[in-house]
Every structure is written in C-alpha cells, then in structure tokens.
Amino acid sequence: MRITPLLVLGLSACAHSGPPLRTVDRVDLHRYEGLWYEIASIPTSFQKGCVASTATYTLEKGGDVEVVNRCRDKALDGPERTARGKAWSVDPSNAKLEVQFFWPFSGDYWVIDLGENYEYAVVGHPSRDYLWILSRTPTVDGATYQAILGRIASQGYDVSRIVRTQQPGA
C-alpha cells in the first residue's frame, strides 16, 4: 500500500514566516474530477521510489471527493502502489480542501494555480514544504512549466526543491 504524500500534510506542523499562501479564486469540483498526472513535486518521504504517479478524483453525491493515488515502484514497469482516501472542501471556493487517507489524520490540500481549462493544477500546503504540479496529460510544454514555476516562486516556494516526475512517454 502506498502511503501518499498528502498524509504528511496532516502531520506537518511547519509554519512559513512569509505571507499567507494564496489559492485560486474558485475550483469547480465537477471539472476538477478525473485523472491527473504528477508532473513534478517537492519530494516527500512518502513518495520515495514513486514514478508514473497519478491521482484520480471522483466527486461523490454528498460533496466529498474520493481520492485514489497510484504510482509505480522504482520503474515505469514496477509494481503499482495505491492509496485511497477522501477529500472535502473547507471553504466556499473549493480551493481549500482537507484530505484524509488514514483516520484521524487529515491535511491541507490547497489549489494554488489552475489552468483556465483545468489542463493543469498546482496543489500546495501553507507551510510551503509540499507541492505537486499536476496535468491532465503525462507532460506539459516547456513554456507552461516555466510559467508555473514562476508563479510558484512568487508564492514563496523554493523552486530548486521541485523535482520532475518520470511519466510514460515523457
């Protein structure tokens, strides 16, 4: 079973001394649901050995979101690791969610950047110790990636900590 990086969000007690992390104005959870590929992240111990990481979000009738994270262990053809959890909105914009993989622990899941057509998303944590760049496809073009990095840096993230995720076809 894969212990996801999002679990560590709930365990983090780190504080960032800069300005508060800004989220996007609004997230339409119907448009957000579906399959996302991890393009890059600030690596966590919970992701050690993961390649070809994906997250699938499914909106449930009550408004919660089922979360299924998958990755391959150490190689694109390695064994699959999976973790299932749930997320729920904690503000009217749906840009701030809590995610839980193991009761009673939950963690912040904040959407801090989002493509106009939901083609990419950036998920961060107020501590700025965790970050994931997600895309609807296994790759993003270089100009888009560089623009995302610029916006992440303007939010106070140390972009030198961001590592690209190996994906099939990338």
Protein backbone atom coordinates (compact mmCIF):
# COMPACT_ATOMS: atom_id res chain seq x y z
CA MET A 1 0.00 0.00 0.00
CA ARG A 2 1.30 3.44 -0.89
CA ILE A 3 1.38 5.99 1.87
CA THR A 4 0.69 9.16 -0.03
CA PRO A 5 2.40 12.49 0.29
CA LEU A 6 -0.90 14.02 1.25
CA LEU A 7 -0.87 12.14 4.56
CA VAL A 8 2.25 14.01 5.54
CA LEU A 9 0.32 17.25 5.12
CA GLY A 10 -1.73 16.39 8.16
CA LEU A 11 1.36 15.60 10.15
CA SER A 12 3.17 18.81 9.28
CA ALA A 13 3.41 21.40 11.97
CA CYS A 14 5.77 23.60 9.97
CA ALA A 15 4.94 27.26 9.63
CA HIS A 16 6.06 29.60 6.90
CA SER A 17 7.07 33.05 8.00
CA GLY A 18 6.13 34.75 4.72
CA PRO A 19 2.74 35.99 3.56
CA PRO A 20 -0.17 33.54 3.58
CA LEU A 21 -0.33 31.13 0.67
CA ARG A 22 -2.84 32.32 -1.93
CA THR A 23 -5.27 29.92 -3.54
CA VAL A 24 -7.16 30.26 -6.80
CA ASP A 25 -10.48 32.11 -6.61
CA ARG A 26 -12.67 29.09 -7.27
CA VAL A 27 -12.45 25.38 -8.11
CA ASP A 28 -15.33 23.65 -9.89
CA LEU A 29 -15.07 20.17 -8.41
CA HIS A 30 -17.00 18.68 -11.35
CA ARG A 31 -14.32 19.98 -13.72
CA TYR A 32 -11.52 19.02 -11.31
CA GLU A 33 -12.54 15.39 -11.01
CA GLY A 34 -10.86 12.77 -13.15
CA LEU A 35 -7.32 11.60 -13.78
CA TRP A 36 -4.29 13.84 -13.12
CA TYR A 37 -0.63 13.03 -13.80
CA GLU A 38 2.04 14.27 -11.42
CA ILE A 39 4.46 16.38 -13.46
CA ALA A 40 6.69 17.45 -10.57
CA SER A 41 6.69 17.78 -6.80
CA ILE A 42 8.69 18.76 -3.80
CA PRO A 43 9.57 15.17 -2.90
CA THR A 44 8.42 13.67 0.36
CA SER A 45 9.49 10.52 2.15
CA PHE A 46 6.06 9.07 1.35
CA GLN A 47 6.81 9.26 -2.37
CA LYS A 48 10.22 7.61 -2.19
CA GLY A 49 10.66 5.34 -5.18
CA CYS A 50 7.49 6.52 -6.93
CA VAL A 51 7.41 7.10 -10.68
CA ALA A 52 4.42 7.43 -13.01
CA SER A 53 2.40 8.96 -10.16
CA THR A 54 -1.26 9.78 -10.77
CA ALA A 55 -4.25 10.93 -8.77
CA THR A 56 -7.87 10.24 -9.64
CA TYR A 57 -10.58 12.37 -8.05
CA THR A 58 -14.25 11.34 -8.11
CA LEU A 59 -16.96 13.65 -6.79
CA GLU A 60 -19.40 11.78 -4.57
CA LYS A 61 -23.09 12.55 -4.06
CA GLY A 62 -22.58 14.14 -0.65
CA GLY A 63 -19.93 16.54 -1.98
CA ASP A 64 -16.87 14.66 -0.73
CA VAL A 65 -14.23 13.61 -3.22
CA GLU A 66 -12.86 10.08 -3.45
CA VAL A 67 -9.08 10.19 -3.96
CA VAL A 68 -7.09 7.34 -5.47
CA ASN A 69 -3.32 7.88 -5.74
CA ARG A 70 -1.23 5.46 -7.77
CA CYS A 71 2.42 5.15 -8.66
CA ARG A 72 4.88 2.59 -9.92
CA ASP A 73 7.62 1.47 -7.57
CA LYS A 74 11.08 2.50 -8.83
CA ALA A 75 10.43 1.91 -12.55
CA LEU A 76 7.70 2.50 -15.12
CA ASP A 77 7.12 -1.25 -15.21
CA GLY A 78 7.47 -1.67 -11.44
CA PRO A 79 4.69 -2.88 -9.18
CA GLU A 80 1.81 -0.48 -8.62
CA ARG A 81 1.30 1.14 -5.22
CA THR A 82 -2.14 2.55 -4.42
CA ALA A 83 -3.69 4.62 -1.64
CA ARG A 84 -7.36 5.54 -1.29
CA GLY A 85 -8.73 8.43 0.67
CA LYS A 86 -11.27 11.19 0.68
CA ALA A 87 -11.22 14.95 0.48
CA TRP A 88 -13.73 17.63 1.38
CA SER A 89 -13.95 21.34 0.86
CA VAL A 90 -13.32 23.60 3.85
CA ASP A 91 -14.24 26.88 2.17
CA PRO A 92 -16.93 28.05 -0.29
CA SER A 93 -14.42 28.44 -3.16
CA ASN A 94 -13.47 24.73 -3.05
CA ALA A 95 -9.84 25.86 -3.39
CA LYS A 96 -9.03 24.71 0.14
CA LEU A 97 -9.68 21.09 0.86
CA GLU A 98 -8.76 18.65 3.56
CA VAL A 99 -7.66 15.20 2.50
CA GLN A 100 -7.59 12.06 4.62
CA PHE A 101 -6.04 8.68 3.92
CA PHE A 102 -5.82 7.38 7.49
CA TRP A 103 -8.22 8.35 10.25
CA PRO A 104 -7.84 10.53 12.26
CA PHE A 105 -5.13 12.33 10.25
CA SER A 106 -6.00 14.82 7.54
CA GLY A 107 -4.05 17.52 5.78
CA ASP A 108 -4.40 20.72 3.82
CA TYR A 109 -4.79 20.38 0.05
CA TRP A 110 -4.84 23.89 -1.43
CA VAL A 111 -5.21 24.56 -5.15
CA ILE A 112 -2.84 27.48 -5.73
CA ASP A 113 -2.72 27.53 -9.54
CA LEU A 114 -5.15 26.16 -12.11
CA GLY A 115 -5.26 26.25 -15.89
CA GLU A 116 -8.20 28.06 -17.45
CA ASN A 117 -9.40 24.77 -18.94
CA TYR A 118 -8.34 22.66 -15.97
CA GLU A 119 -5.44 21.32 -18.03
CA TYR A 120 -3.02 21.72 -15.12
CA ALA A 121 -3.22 22.36 -11.38
CA VAL A 122 -0.77 23.14 -8.63
CA VAL A 123 -1.51 21.87 -5.15
CA GLY A 124 0.32 23.32 -2.19
CA HIS A 125 0.41 23.41 1.57
CA PRO A 126 0.50 26.58 3.71
CA SER A 127 3.92 25.56 5.09
CA ARG A 128 5.31 25.54 1.52
CA ASP A 129 7.04 22.26 2.38
CA TYR A 130 4.83 20.29 -0.03
CA LEU A 131 3.79 20.91 -3.60
CA TRP A 132 2.52 18.95 -6.59
CA ILE A 133 2.25 20.09 -10.20
CA LEU A 134 -0.48 18.07 -11.91
CA SER A 135 -1.59 17.80 -15.53
CA ARG A 136 -4.31 16.05 -17.48
CA THR A 137 -1.55 14.63 -19.70
CA PRO A 138 1.76 12.97 -18.75
CA THR A 139 3.70 16.03 -19.98
CA VAL A 140 3.36 19.80 -20.18
CA ASP A 141 5.18 22.00 -22.67
CA GLY A 142 8.28 23.84 -21.50
CA ALA A 143 6.76 27.33 -21.64
CA THR A 144 3.78 26.29 -19.50
CA TYR A 145 6.05 24.55 -17.00
CA GLN A 146 8.34 27.59 -16.70
CA ALA A 147 5.34 29.91 -16.23
CA ILE A 148 4.01 27.64 -13.47
CA LEU A 149 7.43 27.68 -11.76
CA GLY A 150 7.43 31.49 -11.92
CA ARG A 151 4.04 31.69 -10.21
CA ILE A 152 5.13 29.14 -7.60
CA ALA A 153 8.27 31.18 -6.85
CA SER A 154 6.15 34.33 -6.47
CA GLN A 155 4.20 32.46 -3.76
CA GLY A 156 7.39 31.94 -1.73
CA TYR A 157 8.27 28.38 -2.77
CA ASP A 158 11.91 27.39 -3.24
CA VAL A 159 11.63 26.07 -6.81
CA SER A 160 15.09 24.49 -6.58
CA ARG A 161 13.43 21.80 -4.44
CA ILE A 162 10.98 20.82 -7.19
CA VAL A 163 11.78 17.55 -8.97
CA ARG A 164 10.24 16.33 -12.22
CA THR A 165 8.29 13.07 -12.02
CA GLN A 166 9.08 10.33 -14.53
CA GLN A 167 6.00 9.52 -16.60
CA PRO A 168 5.46 7.12 -19.51
CA GLY A 169 6.02 8.86 -22.83
CA ALA A 170 7.69 11.85 -21.21
